[in-house]
Amino acid sequence: MTERNGRRLTIEALTLARDGHDFARIPDIELAAGGSMALVGPSGSGKSTALMAIAGVRRPASGTIAIDGTDIWSLAAHRRDRFRGQHIGLVFQSFHLVDALNVRSNVWLAARCAGNPVHDESSLPALLDRLGLSAVSGRRADRISHGQAQRVAVARALINKPAVILADEPTSALDDANTEDLLKLLIESAAMEQAALLIATHDRRVLSTVGSIVEMEAIA
């Protein structure tokens, strides 16, 4: 499968600050569409901070982060928010679903929040079907299983056809079987959507499933 418009995540000379002091850096990254990578390091090493920088939420101390050739930190705040919604899919350990909404509405909500037109009514059923969620599409989010909630979170990350999927410690609370299922789902979904997948994790079980590994570096 060819890359969609040369989509990729590029990170160069990225350092992170905490309380006004640089505390971590990330080796340069070039992650192409459909590729998968684990960002590893112990708890407190800055993995989540790094993901928030890559998502355009928390400004790094220095360096550049480019998605599809756009340096996201060169954008004004409102343009960066819109760019995030349209180009980045986020999957967290806590799924942050809206319990009062059904599965279908939880996924559409991501499109609306990104400012994307919700005009292709066939795209959502196709996505839910591919992720095995068709049978529960009308069920409230607080009435589905944990595994189904995982899949809703992935569907929400995919609905805007992102260039990059960022997953923050998605397996840390899962047993081996559920970890295997979720990783397979993430990697296959990223490959099918031609998105670059970056998983921040300290879970060693992730390492054998991704295409490459990069490690956080502490700054003394």
N, C-alpha and C. Protein backbone atom coordinates (compact mmCIF):
# COMPACT_ATOMS: atom_id res chain seq x y z
N MET A 1 0.85 -1.20 0.00
CA MET A 1 0.00 0.00 0.00
C MET A 1 0.88 1.24 0.00
N THR A 2 0.59 2.19 -0.83
CA THR A 2 1.41 3.40 -0.90
C THR A 2 0.98 4.40 0.15
N GLU A 3 1.91 5.28 0.51
CA GLU A 3 1.61 6.30 1.49
C GLU A 3 0.61 7.30 0.93
N ARG A 4 -0.26 7.80 1.78
CA ARG A 4 -1.25 8.79 1.37
C ARG A 4 -0.61 10.17 1.42
N ASN A 5 -0.25 10.69 0.22
CA ASN A 5 0.33 12.02 0.11
C ASN A 5 1.61 12.17 0.93
N GLY A 6 2.40 11.08 1.03
CA GLY A 6 3.67 11.19 1.74
C GLY A 6 3.52 11.50 3.22
N ARG A 7 2.45 11.06 3.87
CA ARG A 7 2.18 11.41 5.26
C ARG A 7 3.30 10.88 6.17
N ARG A 8 3.68 11.71 7.15
CA ARG A 8 4.71 11.27 8.07
C ARG A 8 4.80 12.21 9.28
N LEU A 9 5.41 11.68 10.34
CA LEU A 9 5.71 12.45 11.53
C LEU A 9 7.22 12.63 11.59
N THR A 10 7.67 13.88 11.71
CA THR A 10 9.09 14.18 11.79
C THR A 10 9.37 15.00 13.05
N ILE A 11 10.30 14.53 13.86
CA ILE A 11 10.68 15.22 15.09
C ILE A 11 12.18 15.44 15.07
N GLU A 12 12.60 16.67 15.33
CA GLU A 12 14.02 17.01 15.30
C GLU A 12 14.40 17.85 16.53
N ALA A 13 15.48 17.43 17.20
CA ALA A 13 16.10 18.18 18.30
C ALA A 13 15.09 18.58 19.37
N LEU A 14 14.19 17.67 19.74
CA LEU A 14 13.11 17.99 20.67
C LEU A 14 13.56 17.83 22.12
N THR A 15 13.43 18.88 22.90
CA THR A 15 13.68 18.82 24.34
C THR A 15 12.43 19.29 25.08
N LEU A 16 12.26 18.77 26.29
CA LEU A 16 11.10 19.06 27.11
C LEU A 16 11.53 19.72 28.41
N ALA A 17 10.69 20.62 28.92
CA ALA A 17 11.01 21.34 30.14
C ALA A 17 9.96 21.06 31.21
N ARG A 18 10.39 21.11 32.45
CA ARG A 18 9.50 20.97 33.61
C ARG A 18 9.96 21.96 34.66
N ASP A 19 9.03 22.79 35.14
CA ASP A 19 9.35 23.81 36.14
C ASP A 19 10.49 24.72 35.68
N GLY A 20 10.49 25.00 34.37
CA GLY A 20 11.46 25.93 33.83
C GLY A 20 12.83 25.34 33.52
N HIS A 21 12.98 24.04 33.67
CA HIS A 21 14.27 23.40 33.42
C HIS A 21 14.11 22.25 32.42
N ASP A 22 15.02 22.19 31.46
CA ASP A 22 15.01 21.06 30.53
C ASP A 22 15.29 19.77 31.29
N PHE A 23 14.46 18.74 31.03
CA PHE A 23 14.65 17.49 31.77
C PHE A 23 14.70 16.25 30.87
N ALA A 24 14.31 16.38 29.61
CA ALA A 24 14.31 15.20 28.73
C ALA A 24 14.43 15.63 27.28
N ARG A 25 14.96 14.72 26.49
CA ARG A 25 15.01 14.93 25.04
C ARG A 25 14.57 13.65 24.36
N ILE A 26 14.17 13.81 23.09
CA ILE A 26 13.76 12.67 22.28
C ILE A 26 14.69 12.60 21.07
N PRO A 27 15.25 11.43 20.79
CA PRO A 27 16.05 11.30 19.57
C PRO A 27 15.20 11.66 18.35
N ASP A 28 15.84 12.13 17.29
CA ASP A 28 15.11 12.50 16.09
C ASP A 28 14.30 11.31 15.57
N ILE A 29 13.10 11.61 15.10
CA ILE A 29 12.16 10.59 14.63
C ILE A 29 11.71 10.91 13.22
N GLU A 30 11.65 9.91 12.38
CA GLU A 30 11.03 10.00 11.06
C GLU A 30 10.14 8.77 10.93
N LEU A 31 8.85 8.97 11.11
CA LEU A 31 7.89 7.86 11.13
C LEU A 31 6.91 8.03 9.98
N ALA A 32 6.96 7.11 9.03
CA ALA A 32 6.15 7.23 7.82
C ALA A 32 4.75 6.66 8.02
N ALA A 33 3.88 6.99 7.08
CA ALA A 33 2.50 6.49 7.10
C ALA A 33 2.48 4.98 7.17
N GLY A 34 1.62 4.45 8.05
CA GLY A 34 1.48 3.02 8.20
C GLY A 34 2.50 2.40 9.13
N GLY A 35 3.51 3.17 9.57
CA GLY A 35 4.53 2.66 10.47
C GLY A 35 4.12 2.76 11.92
N SER A 36 4.77 1.98 12.76
CA SER A 36 4.48 2.00 14.20
C SER A 36 5.78 2.10 14.98
N MET A 37 5.73 2.83 16.10
CA MET A 37 6.91 3.05 16.92
C MET A 37 6.49 3.14 18.38
N ALA A 38 7.34 2.62 19.26
CA ALA A 38 7.14 2.77 20.71
C ALA A 38 8.11 3.82 21.24
N LEU A 39 7.58 4.76 22.01
CA LEU A 39 8.39 5.72 22.74
C LEU A 39 8.47 5.22 24.17
N VAL A 40 9.66 4.79 24.61
CA VAL A 40 9.77 4.08 25.88
C VAL A 40 10.58 4.87 26.89
N GLY A 41 10.36 4.50 28.15
CA GLY A 41 11.06 5.12 29.26
C GLY A 41 10.30 4.83 30.53
N PRO A 42 10.96 4.89 31.68
CA PRO A 42 10.28 4.61 32.95
C PRO A 42 9.24 5.66 33.27
N SER A 43 8.39 5.36 34.24
CA SER A 43 7.40 6.33 34.69
C SER A 43 8.10 7.61 35.13
N GLY A 44 7.58 8.75 34.72
CA GLY A 44 8.17 10.03 35.08
C GLY A 44 9.25 10.51 34.15
N SER A 45 9.53 9.74 33.09
CA SER A 45 10.60 10.12 32.17
C SER A 45 10.18 11.18 31.17
N GLY A 46 8.88 11.45 31.08
CA GLY A 46 8.41 12.51 30.17
C GLY A 46 7.68 12.02 28.95
N LYS A 47 7.29 10.74 28.92
CA LYS A 47 6.61 10.20 27.73
C LYS A 47 5.29 10.91 27.46
N SER A 48 4.48 11.07 28.49
CA SER A 48 3.19 11.74 28.29
C SER A 48 3.38 13.20 27.91
N THR A 49 4.37 13.85 28.51
CA THR A 49 4.68 15.23 28.15
C THR A 49 5.09 15.31 26.69
N ALA A 50 5.87 14.33 26.24
CA ALA A 50 6.29 14.30 24.84
C ALA A 50 5.08 14.16 23.92
N LEU A 51 4.14 13.28 24.26
CA LEU A 51 2.96 13.11 23.42
C LEU A 51 2.15 14.41 23.37
N MET A 52 2.04 15.10 24.50
CA MET A 52 1.30 16.35 24.51
C MET A 52 2.00 17.41 23.66
N ALA A 53 3.32 17.36 23.60
CA ALA A 53 4.05 18.28 22.71
C ALA A 53 3.78 17.93 21.26
N ILE A 54 3.82 16.62 20.95
CA ILE A 54 3.58 16.19 19.57
C ILE A 54 2.15 16.49 19.14
N ALA A 55 1.22 16.44 20.10
CA ALA A 55 -0.18 16.74 19.81
C ALA A 55 -0.45 18.23 19.72
N GLY A 56 0.54 19.05 20.03
CA GLY A 56 0.33 20.50 19.97
C GLY A 56 -0.39 21.05 21.18
N VAL A 57 -0.31 20.35 22.31
CA VAL A 57 -0.98 20.80 23.53
C VAL A 57 -0.02 21.50 24.47
N ARG A 58 1.17 20.94 24.64
CA ARG A 58 2.16 21.50 25.57
C ARG A 58 3.43 21.83 24.80
N ARG A 59 3.81 23.10 24.82
CA ARG A 59 4.94 23.55 24.01
C ARG A 59 6.25 22.94 24.51
N PRO A 60 7.05 22.39 23.60
CA PRO A 60 8.36 21.87 24.00
C PRO A 60 9.33 23.01 24.29
N ALA A 61 10.45 22.69 24.96
CA ALA A 61 11.46 23.71 25.24
C ALA A 61 12.16 24.12 23.95
N SER A 62 12.39 23.15 23.06
CA SER A 62 13.04 23.45 21.78
C SER A 62 12.79 22.31 20.82
N GLY A 63 13.13 22.54 19.55
CA GLY A 63 12.97 21.50 18.54
C GLY A 63 11.76 21.73 17.66
N THR A 64 11.62 20.87 16.67
CA THR A 64 10.50 20.98 15.73
C THR A 64 9.73 19.66 15.66
N ILE A 65 8.43 19.80 15.47
CA ILE A 65 7.52 18.66 15.29
C ILE A 65 6.72 18.96 14.04
N ALA A 66 6.88 18.13 13.02
CA ALA A 66 6.17 18.35 11.76
C ALA A 66 5.30 17.15 11.43
N ILE A 67 4.06 17.42 11.07
CA ILE A 67 3.11 16.40 10.64
C ILE A 67 2.67 16.75 9.23
N ASP A 68 2.89 15.83 8.31
CA ASP A 68 2.61 16.11 6.90
C ASP A 68 3.31 17.38 6.43
N GLY A 69 4.51 17.62 6.98
CA GLY A 69 5.29 18.78 6.57
C GLY A 69 4.94 20.08 7.26
N THR A 70 3.94 20.08 8.13
CA THR A 70 3.54 21.29 8.86
C THR A 70 4.17 21.30 10.24
N ASP A 71 4.94 22.33 10.54
CA ASP A 71 5.51 22.51 11.87
C ASP A 71 4.37 22.99 12.78
N ILE A 72 3.89 22.12 13.64
CA ILE A 72 2.66 22.44 14.37
C ILE A 72 2.85 23.58 15.36
N TRP A 73 4.06 23.76 15.88
CA TRP A 73 4.27 24.84 16.85
C TRP A 73 4.55 26.18 16.18
N SER A 74 4.53 26.22 14.86
CA SER A 74 4.59 27.50 14.16
C SER A 74 3.19 28.06 13.93
N LEU A 75 2.17 27.26 14.23
CA LEU A 75 0.78 27.69 14.01
C LEU A 75 0.27 28.50 15.20
N ALA A 76 -0.62 29.45 14.91
CA ALA A 76 -1.33 30.15 15.98
C ALA A 76 -2.18 29.16 16.75
N ALA A 77 -2.52 29.49 18.00
CA ALA A 77 -3.19 28.53 18.88
C ALA A 77 -4.48 27.98 18.28
N HIS A 78 -5.32 28.85 17.70
CA HIS A 78 -6.59 28.38 17.17
C HIS A 78 -6.38 27.49 15.95
N ARG A 79 -5.37 27.81 15.14
CA ARG A 79 -5.08 26.96 13.98
C ARG A 79 -4.47 25.63 14.42
N ARG A 80 -3.67 25.67 15.49
CA ARG A 80 -3.09 24.44 16.02
C ARG A 80 -4.17 23.52 16.57
N ASP A 81 -5.17 24.07 17.25
CA ASP A 81 -6.27 23.26 17.76
C ASP A 81 -7.02 22.58 16.61
N ARG A 82 -7.28 23.34 15.57
CA ARG A 82 -7.99 22.77 14.42
C ARG A 82 -7.13 21.72 13.72
N PHE A 83 -5.83 22.00 13.59
CA PHE A 83 -4.93 21.04 12.95
C PHE A 83 -4.90 19.74 13.74
N ARG A 84 -4.86 19.85 15.07
CA ARG A 84 -4.86 18.65 15.92
C ARG A 84 -6.11 17.80 15.66
N GLY A 85 -7.25 18.45 15.65
CA GLY A 85 -8.49 17.70 15.45
C GLY A 85 -8.56 17.01 14.10
N GLN A 86 -7.97 17.62 13.09
CA GLN A 86 -8.08 17.09 11.74
C GLN A 86 -6.96 16.15 11.34
N HIS A 87 -5.82 16.18 12.06
CA HIS A 87 -4.66 15.41 11.62
C HIS A 87 -4.11 14.44 12.67
N ILE A 88 -4.58 14.54 13.92
CA ILE A 88 -4.04 13.71 14.99
C ILE A 88 -5.16 12.97 15.68
N GLY A 89 -5.00 11.65 15.83
CA GLY A 89 -5.93 10.83 16.59
C GLY A 89 -5.30 10.46 17.91
N LEU A 90 -6.05 10.62 19.01
CA LEU A 90 -5.52 10.37 20.36
C LEU A 90 -6.23 9.20 21.01
N VAL A 91 -5.45 8.29 21.59
CA VAL A 91 -5.99 7.16 22.35
C VAL A 91 -5.32 7.15 23.71
N PHE A 92 -6.12 7.27 24.76
CA PHE A 92 -5.59 7.32 26.12
C PHE A 92 -5.92 6.04 26.88
N GLN A 93 -5.17 5.83 27.98
CA GLN A 93 -5.46 4.68 28.84
C GLN A 93 -6.89 4.77 29.37
N SER A 94 -7.30 5.95 29.81
CA SER A 94 -8.69 6.21 30.17
C SER A 94 -9.38 6.72 28.91
N PHE A 95 -10.47 6.08 28.52
CA PHE A 95 -11.02 6.32 27.19
C PHE A 95 -11.75 7.64 27.05
N HIS A 96 -12.21 8.23 28.17
CA HIS A 96 -12.89 9.53 28.15
C HIS A 96 -14.11 9.51 27.22
N LEU A 97 -14.86 8.41 27.25
CA LEU A 97 -16.12 8.38 26.50
C LEU A 97 -17.20 9.12 27.27
N VAL A 98 -18.19 9.62 26.56
CA VAL A 98 -19.32 10.30 27.19
C VAL A 98 -20.39 9.25 27.47
N ASP A 99 -20.58 8.92 28.74
CA ASP A 99 -21.46 7.80 29.10
C ASP A 99 -22.88 7.97 28.59
N ALA A 100 -23.38 9.20 28.59
CA ALA A 100 -24.77 9.44 28.21
C ALA A 100 -25.02 9.33 26.71
N LEU A 101 -23.95 9.29 25.91
CA LEU A 101 -24.08 9.17 24.46
C LEU A 101 -23.87 7.73 24.03
N ASN A 102 -24.49 7.37 22.92
CA ASN A 102 -24.27 6.02 22.41
C ASN A 102 -22.94 5.95 21.67
N VAL A 103 -22.59 4.75 21.26
CA VAL A 103 -21.31 4.52 20.60
C VAL A 103 -21.18 5.39 19.35
N ARG A 104 -22.18 5.40 18.54
CA ARG A 104 -22.16 6.17 17.29
C ARG A 104 -21.94 7.65 17.57
N SER A 105 -22.64 8.20 18.54
CA SER A 105 -22.51 9.63 18.85
C SER A 105 -21.16 9.96 19.46
N ASN A 106 -20.59 9.06 20.25
CA ASN A 106 -19.26 9.29 20.79
C ASN A 106 -18.23 9.44 19.69
N VAL A 107 -18.36 8.65 18.63
CA VAL A 107 -17.41 8.74 17.54
C VAL A 107 -17.65 9.99 16.70
N TRP A 108 -18.92 10.28 16.40
CA TRP A 108 -19.23 11.50 15.63
C TRP A 108 -18.79 12.75 16.36
N LEU A 109 -18.81 12.70 17.70
CA LEU A 109 -18.42 13.87 18.49
C LEU A 109 -17.01 14.31 18.15
N ALA A 110 -16.13 13.35 17.89
CA ALA A 110 -14.75 13.69 17.54
C ALA A 110 -14.69 14.46 16.23
N ALA A 111 -15.53 14.11 15.28
CA ALA A 111 -15.57 14.84 14.01
C ALA A 111 -16.10 16.26 14.22
N ARG A 112 -17.13 16.39 15.03
CA ARG A 112 -17.71 17.72 15.26
C ARG A 112 -16.73 18.63 16.00
N CYS A 113 -16.05 18.07 17.00
CA CYS A 113 -15.09 18.87 17.77
C CYS A 113 -13.92 19.33 16.90
N ALA A 114 -13.60 18.55 15.87
CA ALA A 114 -12.52 18.93 14.97
C ALA A 114 -12.96 19.94 13.92
N GLY A 115 -14.26 20.24 13.90
CA GLY A 115 -14.78 21.16 12.90
C GLY A 115 -14.91 20.54 11.54
N ASN A 116 -14.91 19.21 11.48
CA ASN A 116 -15.05 18.53 10.21
C ASN A 116 -16.52 18.38 9.84
N PRO A 117 -16.86 18.53 8.58
CA PRO A 117 -18.24 18.32 8.17
C PRO A 117 -18.65 16.87 8.32
N VAL A 118 -19.82 16.65 8.88
CA VAL A 118 -20.30 15.29 9.06
C VAL A 118 -21.31 15.01 7.95
N HIS A 119 -20.78 14.84 6.74
CA HIS A 119 -21.67 14.70 5.60
C HIS A 119 -21.62 13.31 4.98
N ASP A 120 -20.57 12.55 5.27
CA ASP A 120 -20.45 11.22 4.69
C ASP A 120 -21.03 10.20 5.66
N GLU A 121 -22.32 9.96 5.55
CA GLU A 121 -23.00 9.08 6.50
C GLU A 121 -22.56 7.63 6.37
N SER A 122 -21.88 7.29 5.27
CA SER A 122 -21.44 5.90 5.10
C SER A 122 -20.11 5.62 5.79
N SER A 123 -19.35 6.67 6.12
CA SER A 123 -18.01 6.44 6.68
C SER A 123 -18.07 5.87 8.08
N LEU A 124 -19.00 6.34 8.90
CA LEU A 124 -19.07 5.85 10.27
C LEU A 124 -19.52 4.39 10.34
N PRO A 125 -20.62 3.99 9.67
CA PRO A 125 -20.99 2.57 9.72
C PRO A 125 -19.88 1.66 9.22
N ALA A 126 -19.16 2.08 8.19
CA ALA A 126 -18.07 1.26 7.68
C ALA A 126 -16.96 1.11 8.71
N LEU A 127 -16.64 2.20 9.40
CA LEU A 127 -15.61 2.16 10.42
C LEU A 127 -16.04 1.29 11.60
N LEU A 128 -17.27 1.47 12.07
CA LEU A 128 -17.76 0.68 13.19
C LEU A 128 -17.81 -0.80 12.83
N ASP A 129 -18.19 -1.10 11.60
CA ASP A 129 -18.22 -2.49 11.16
C ASP A 129 -16.82 -3.10 11.16
N ARG A 130 -15.85 -2.34 10.68
CA ARG A 130 -14.49 -2.85 10.62
C ARG A 130 -13.92 -3.10 12.00
N LEU A 131 -14.36 -2.31 12.99
CA LEU A 131 -13.87 -2.47 14.35
C LEU A 131 -14.76 -3.37 15.21
N GLY A 132 -15.73 -4.01 14.58
CA GLY A 132 -16.59 -4.94 15.31
C GLY A 132 -17.56 -4.27 16.27
N LEU A 133 -18.04 -3.07 15.92
CA LEU A 133 -18.90 -2.31 16.82
C LEU A 133 -20.31 -2.09 16.28
N SER A 134 -20.61 -2.65 15.14
CA SER A 134 -21.92 -2.39 14.52
C SER A 134 -23.07 -2.79 15.43
N ALA A 135 -22.92 -3.91 16.12
CA ALA A 135 -24.01 -4.44 16.94
C ALA A 135 -24.30 -3.58 18.16
N VAL A 136 -23.34 -2.75 18.58
CA VAL A 136 -23.55 -1.93 19.78
C VAL A 136 -23.54 -0.44 19.43
N SER A 137 -23.68 -0.09 18.17
CA SER A 137 -23.56 1.31 17.77
C SER A 137 -24.60 2.21 18.42
N GLY A 138 -25.77 1.66 18.77
CA GLY A 138 -26.80 2.46 19.40
C GLY A 138 -26.84 2.33 20.91
N ARG A 139 -25.89 1.63 21.48
CA ARG A 139 -25.86 1.40 22.93
C ARG A 139 -25.06 2.50 23.63
N ARG A 140 -25.55 2.91 24.80
CA ARG A 140 -24.84 3.92 25.59
C ARG A 140 -23.44 3.44 25.94
N ALA A 141 -22.51 4.41 26.06
CA ALA A 141 -21.11 4.06 26.32
C ALA A 141 -20.91 3.40 27.67
N ASP A 142 -21.80 3.67 28.64
CA ASP A 142 -21.66 3.04 29.96
C ASP A 142 -22.31 1.66 30.01
N ARG A 143 -22.77 1.17 28.85
CA ARG A 143 -23.41 -0.15 28.81
C ARG A 143 -22.73 -1.08 27.81
N ILE A 144 -21.45 -0.80 27.56
CA ILE A 144 -20.67 -1.69 26.70
C ILE A 144 -19.50 -2.23 27.51
N SER A 145 -18.88 -3.29 27.00
CA SER A 145 -17.77 -3.92 27.72
C SER A 145 -16.51 -3.08 27.61
N HIS A 146 -15.53 -3.42 28.45
CA HIS A 146 -14.25 -2.71 28.41
C HIS A 146 -13.59 -2.86 27.04
N GLY A 147 -13.63 -4.06 26.48
CA GLY A 147 -13.04 -4.27 25.17
C GLY A 147 -13.73 -3.47 24.08
N GLN A 148 -15.06 -3.37 24.17
CA GLN A 148 -15.80 -2.56 23.21
C GLN A 148 -15.46 -1.08 23.38
N ALA A 149 -15.29 -0.63 24.63
CA ALA A 149 -14.91 0.76 24.88
C ALA A 149 -13.55 1.07 24.27
N GLN A 150 -12.63 0.12 24.34
CA GLN A 150 -11.33 0.29 23.69
C GLN A 150 -11.51 0.56 22.20
N ARG A 151 -12.38 -0.22 21.59
CA ARG A 151 -12.59 -0.10 20.15
C ARG A 151 -13.28 1.22 19.80
N VAL A 152 -14.17 1.69 20.67
CA VAL A 152 -14.79 2.99 20.44
C VAL A 152 -13.72 4.09 20.49
N ALA A 153 -12.79 3.98 21.45
CA ALA A 153 -11.72 4.96 21.56
C ALA A 153 -10.86 4.97 20.30
N VAL A 154 -10.60 3.79 19.75
CA VAL A 154 -9.83 3.71 18.50
C VAL A 154 -10.63 4.28 17.34
N ALA A 155 -11.92 3.97 17.28
CA ALA A 155 -12.77 4.51 16.22
C ALA A 155 -12.80 6.03 16.27
N ARG A 156 -12.89 6.58 17.46
CA ARG A 156 -12.89 8.04 17.62
C ARG A 156 -11.58 8.64 17.13
N ALA A 157 -10.47 7.93 17.37
CA ALA A 157 -9.17 8.42 16.91
C ALA A 157 -9.05 8.35 15.39
N LEU A 158 -9.81 7.45 14.76
CA LEU A 158 -9.68 7.22 13.32
C LEU A 158 -10.67 8.00 12.47
N ILE A 159 -11.77 8.49 13.07
CA ILE A 159 -12.88 9.02 12.28
C ILE A 159 -12.46 10.19 11.40
N ASN A 160 -11.47 10.97 11.82
CA ASN A 160 -11.04 12.13 11.04
C ASN A 160 -9.90 11.80 10.07
N LYS A 161 -9.63 10.48 9.91
CA LYS A 161 -8.58 10.01 9.00
C LYS A 161 -7.26 10.73 9.28
N PRO A 162 -6.74 10.58 10.51
CA PRO A 162 -5.55 11.34 10.91
C PRO A 162 -4.28 10.87 10.21
N ALA A 163 -3.31 11.77 10.18
CA ALA A 163 -1.99 11.42 9.68
C ALA A 163 -1.18 10.71 10.76
N VAL A 164 -1.49 11.02 12.03
CA VAL A 164 -0.75 10.46 13.17
C VAL A 164 -1.72 10.00 14.24
N ILE A 165 -1.47 8.82 14.80
CA ILE A 165 -2.20 8.33 15.96
C ILE A 165 -1.24 8.28 17.13
N LEU A 166 -1.60 8.93 18.24
CA LEU A 166 -0.80 8.94 19.45
C LEU A 166 -1.54 8.16 20.53
N ALA A 167 -0.88 7.16 21.10
CA ALA A 167 -1.49 6.33 22.15
C ALA A 167 -0.64 6.44 23.41
N ASP A 168 -1.25 6.86 24.50
CA ASP A 168 -0.54 7.09 25.75
C ASP A 168 -0.81 5.95 26.74
N GLU A 169 0.19 5.10 26.95
CA GLU A 169 0.11 3.97 27.89
C GLU A 169 -1.20 3.19 27.71
N PRO A 170 -1.54 2.79 26.50
CA PRO A 170 -2.86 2.16 26.29
C PRO A 170 -3.00 0.78 26.90
N THR A 171 -1.88 0.10 27.25
CA THR A 171 -1.96 -1.29 27.71
C THR A 171 -1.61 -1.47 29.18
N SER A 172 -1.31 -0.40 29.89
CA SER A 172 -0.74 -0.55 31.22
C SER A 172 -1.69 -1.22 32.21
N ALA A 173 -2.99 -1.13 31.99
CA ALA A 173 -3.95 -1.73 32.91
C ALA A 173 -4.58 -3.01 32.35
N LEU A 174 -4.01 -3.56 31.27
CA LEU A 174 -4.62 -4.70 30.59
C LEU A 174 -3.85 -5.98 30.83
N ASP A 175 -4.58 -7.11 30.83
CA ASP A 175 -3.91 -8.41 30.90
C ASP A 175 -3.31 -8.75 29.54
N ASP A 176 -2.61 -9.86 29.46
CA ASP A 176 -1.88 -10.20 28.24
C ASP A 176 -2.79 -10.35 27.03
N ALA A 177 -3.95 -11.00 27.23
CA ALA A 177 -4.84 -11.24 26.09
C ALA A 177 -5.40 -9.93 25.55
N ASN A 178 -5.85 -9.05 26.46
CA ASN A 178 -6.40 -7.78 26.01
C ASN A 178 -5.33 -6.86 25.45
N THR A 179 -4.11 -6.96 25.99
CA THR A 179 -3.00 -6.19 25.43
C THR A 179 -2.73 -6.60 24.00
N GLU A 180 -2.69 -7.89 23.76
CA GLU A 180 -2.45 -8.39 22.40
C GLU A 180 -3.53 -7.92 21.44
N ASP A 181 -4.79 -7.99 21.89
CA ASP A 181 -5.90 -7.58 21.03
C ASP A 181 -5.83 -6.09 20.70
N LEU A 182 -5.54 -5.27 21.71
CA LEU A 182 -5.52 -3.82 21.48
C LEU A 182 -4.37 -3.42 20.58
N LEU A 183 -3.20 -4.00 20.79
CA LEU A 183 -2.05 -3.66 19.96
C LEU A 183 -2.28 -4.07 18.50
N LYS A 184 -2.87 -5.24 18.32
CA LYS A 184 -3.18 -5.68 16.97
C LYS A 184 -4.15 -4.71 16.31
N LEU A 185 -5.16 -4.29 17.06
CA LEU A 185 -6.15 -3.35 16.54
C LEU A 185 -5.50 -2.02 16.16
N LEU A 186 -4.65 -1.49 17.03
CA LEU A 186 -4.00 -0.21 16.75
C LEU A 186 -3.09 -0.28 15.52
N ILE A 187 -2.27 -1.32 15.47
CA ILE A 187 -1.30 -1.43 14.38
C ILE A 187 -2.00 -1.69 13.05
N GLU A 188 -2.99 -2.58 13.05
CA GLU A 188 -3.72 -2.84 11.81
C GLU A 188 -4.50 -1.62 11.36
N SER A 189 -5.11 -0.90 12.31
CA SER A 189 -5.89 0.29 11.95
C SER A 189 -4.99 1.38 11.38
N ALA A 190 -3.82 1.57 11.99
CA ALA A 190 -2.89 2.58 11.48
C ALA A 190 -2.43 2.22 10.08
N ALA A 191 -2.14 0.94 9.85
CA ALA A 191 -1.70 0.52 8.52
C ALA A 191 -2.80 0.73 7.49
N MET A 192 -4.04 0.38 7.85
CA MET A 192 -5.15 0.51 6.91
C MET A 192 -5.45 1.98 6.60
N GLU A 193 -5.37 2.83 7.62
CA GLU A 193 -5.67 4.26 7.43
C GLU A 193 -4.47 5.04 6.92
N GLN A 194 -3.30 4.35 6.81
CA GLN A 194 -2.07 5.01 6.42
C GLN A 194 -1.75 6.18 7.34
N ALA A 195 -1.77 5.87 8.64
CA ALA A 195 -1.39 6.83 9.67
C ALA A 195 -0.14 6.34 10.37
N ALA A 196 0.68 7.25 10.84
CA ALA A 196 1.84 6.90 11.65
C ALA A 196 1.38 6.69 13.09
N LEU A 197 1.77 5.58 13.71
CA LEU A 197 1.33 5.23 15.07
C LEU A 197 2.51 5.34 16.03
N LEU A 198 2.36 6.19 17.06
CA LEU A 198 3.37 6.33 18.10
C LEU A 198 2.74 5.99 19.44
N ILE A 199 3.29 4.98 20.11
CA ILE A 199 2.78 4.51 21.40
C ILE A 199 3.78 4.85 22.49
N ALA A 200 3.37 5.69 23.44
CA ALA A 200 4.21 5.97 24.60
C ALA A 200 3.93 4.90 25.65
N THR A 201 4.98 4.22 26.13
CA THR A 201 4.74 3.08 27.01
C THR A 201 5.97 2.73 27.83
N HIS A 202 5.72 2.12 28.99
CA HIS A 202 6.80 1.47 29.72
C HIS A 202 6.52 -0.04 29.78
N ASP A 203 5.53 -0.48 29.00
CA ASP A 203 5.11 -1.89 28.96
C ASP A 203 5.98 -2.64 27.96
N ARG A 204 6.80 -3.53 28.44
CA ARG A 204 7.73 -4.25 27.56
C ARG A 204 7.00 -5.14 26.57
N ARG A 205 5.74 -5.49 26.83
CA ARG A 205 4.98 -6.35 25.92
C ARG A 205 4.74 -5.67 24.58
N VAL A 206 4.80 -4.35 24.56
CA VAL A 206 4.54 -3.60 23.33
C VAL A 206 5.70 -3.73 22.35
N LEU A 207 6.89 -3.91 22.86
CA LEU A 207 8.09 -3.73 22.05
C LEU A 207 8.21 -4.72 20.89
N SER A 208 7.72 -5.94 21.08
CA SER A 208 7.86 -6.95 20.02
C SER A 208 6.83 -6.78 18.91
N THR A 209 5.89 -5.87 19.09
CA THR A 209 4.81 -5.74 18.11
C THR A 209 4.98 -4.53 17.19
N VAL A 210 5.80 -3.55 17.59
CA VAL A 210 5.93 -2.32 16.80
C VAL A 210 7.11 -2.42 15.85
N GLY A 211 7.12 -1.52 14.87
CA GLY A 211 8.16 -1.54 13.86
C GLY A 211 9.50 -1.02 14.35
N SER A 212 9.48 -0.09 15.31
CA SER A 212 10.72 0.48 15.81
C SER A 212 10.51 1.02 17.22
N ILE A 213 11.63 1.32 17.89
CA ILE A 213 11.60 1.75 19.28
C ILE A 213 12.53 2.95 19.43
N VAL A 214 12.08 3.96 20.17
CA VAL A 214 12.94 5.09 20.51
C VAL A 214 12.79 5.35 22.01
N GLU A 215 13.89 5.70 22.64
CA GLU A 215 13.90 5.82 24.11
C GLU A 215 14.10 7.26 24.54
N MET A 216 13.30 7.67 25.55
CA MET A 216 13.47 8.99 26.13
C MET A 216 14.88 9.12 26.71
N GLU A 217 15.47 10.30 26.60
CA GLU A 217 16.80 10.54 27.15
C GLU A 217 16.70 11.62 28.23
N ALA A 218 17.22 11.31 29.43
CA ALA A 218 17.18 12.27 30.52
C ALA A 218 18.25 13.32 30.32
N ILE A 219 17.95 14.56 30.73
CA ILE A 219 18.91 15.65 30.74
C ILE A 219 19.25 15.93 32.20
N ALA A 220 20.49 15.77 32.56
CA ALA A 220 20.91 15.94 33.94
C ALA A 220 20.80 17.39 34.37
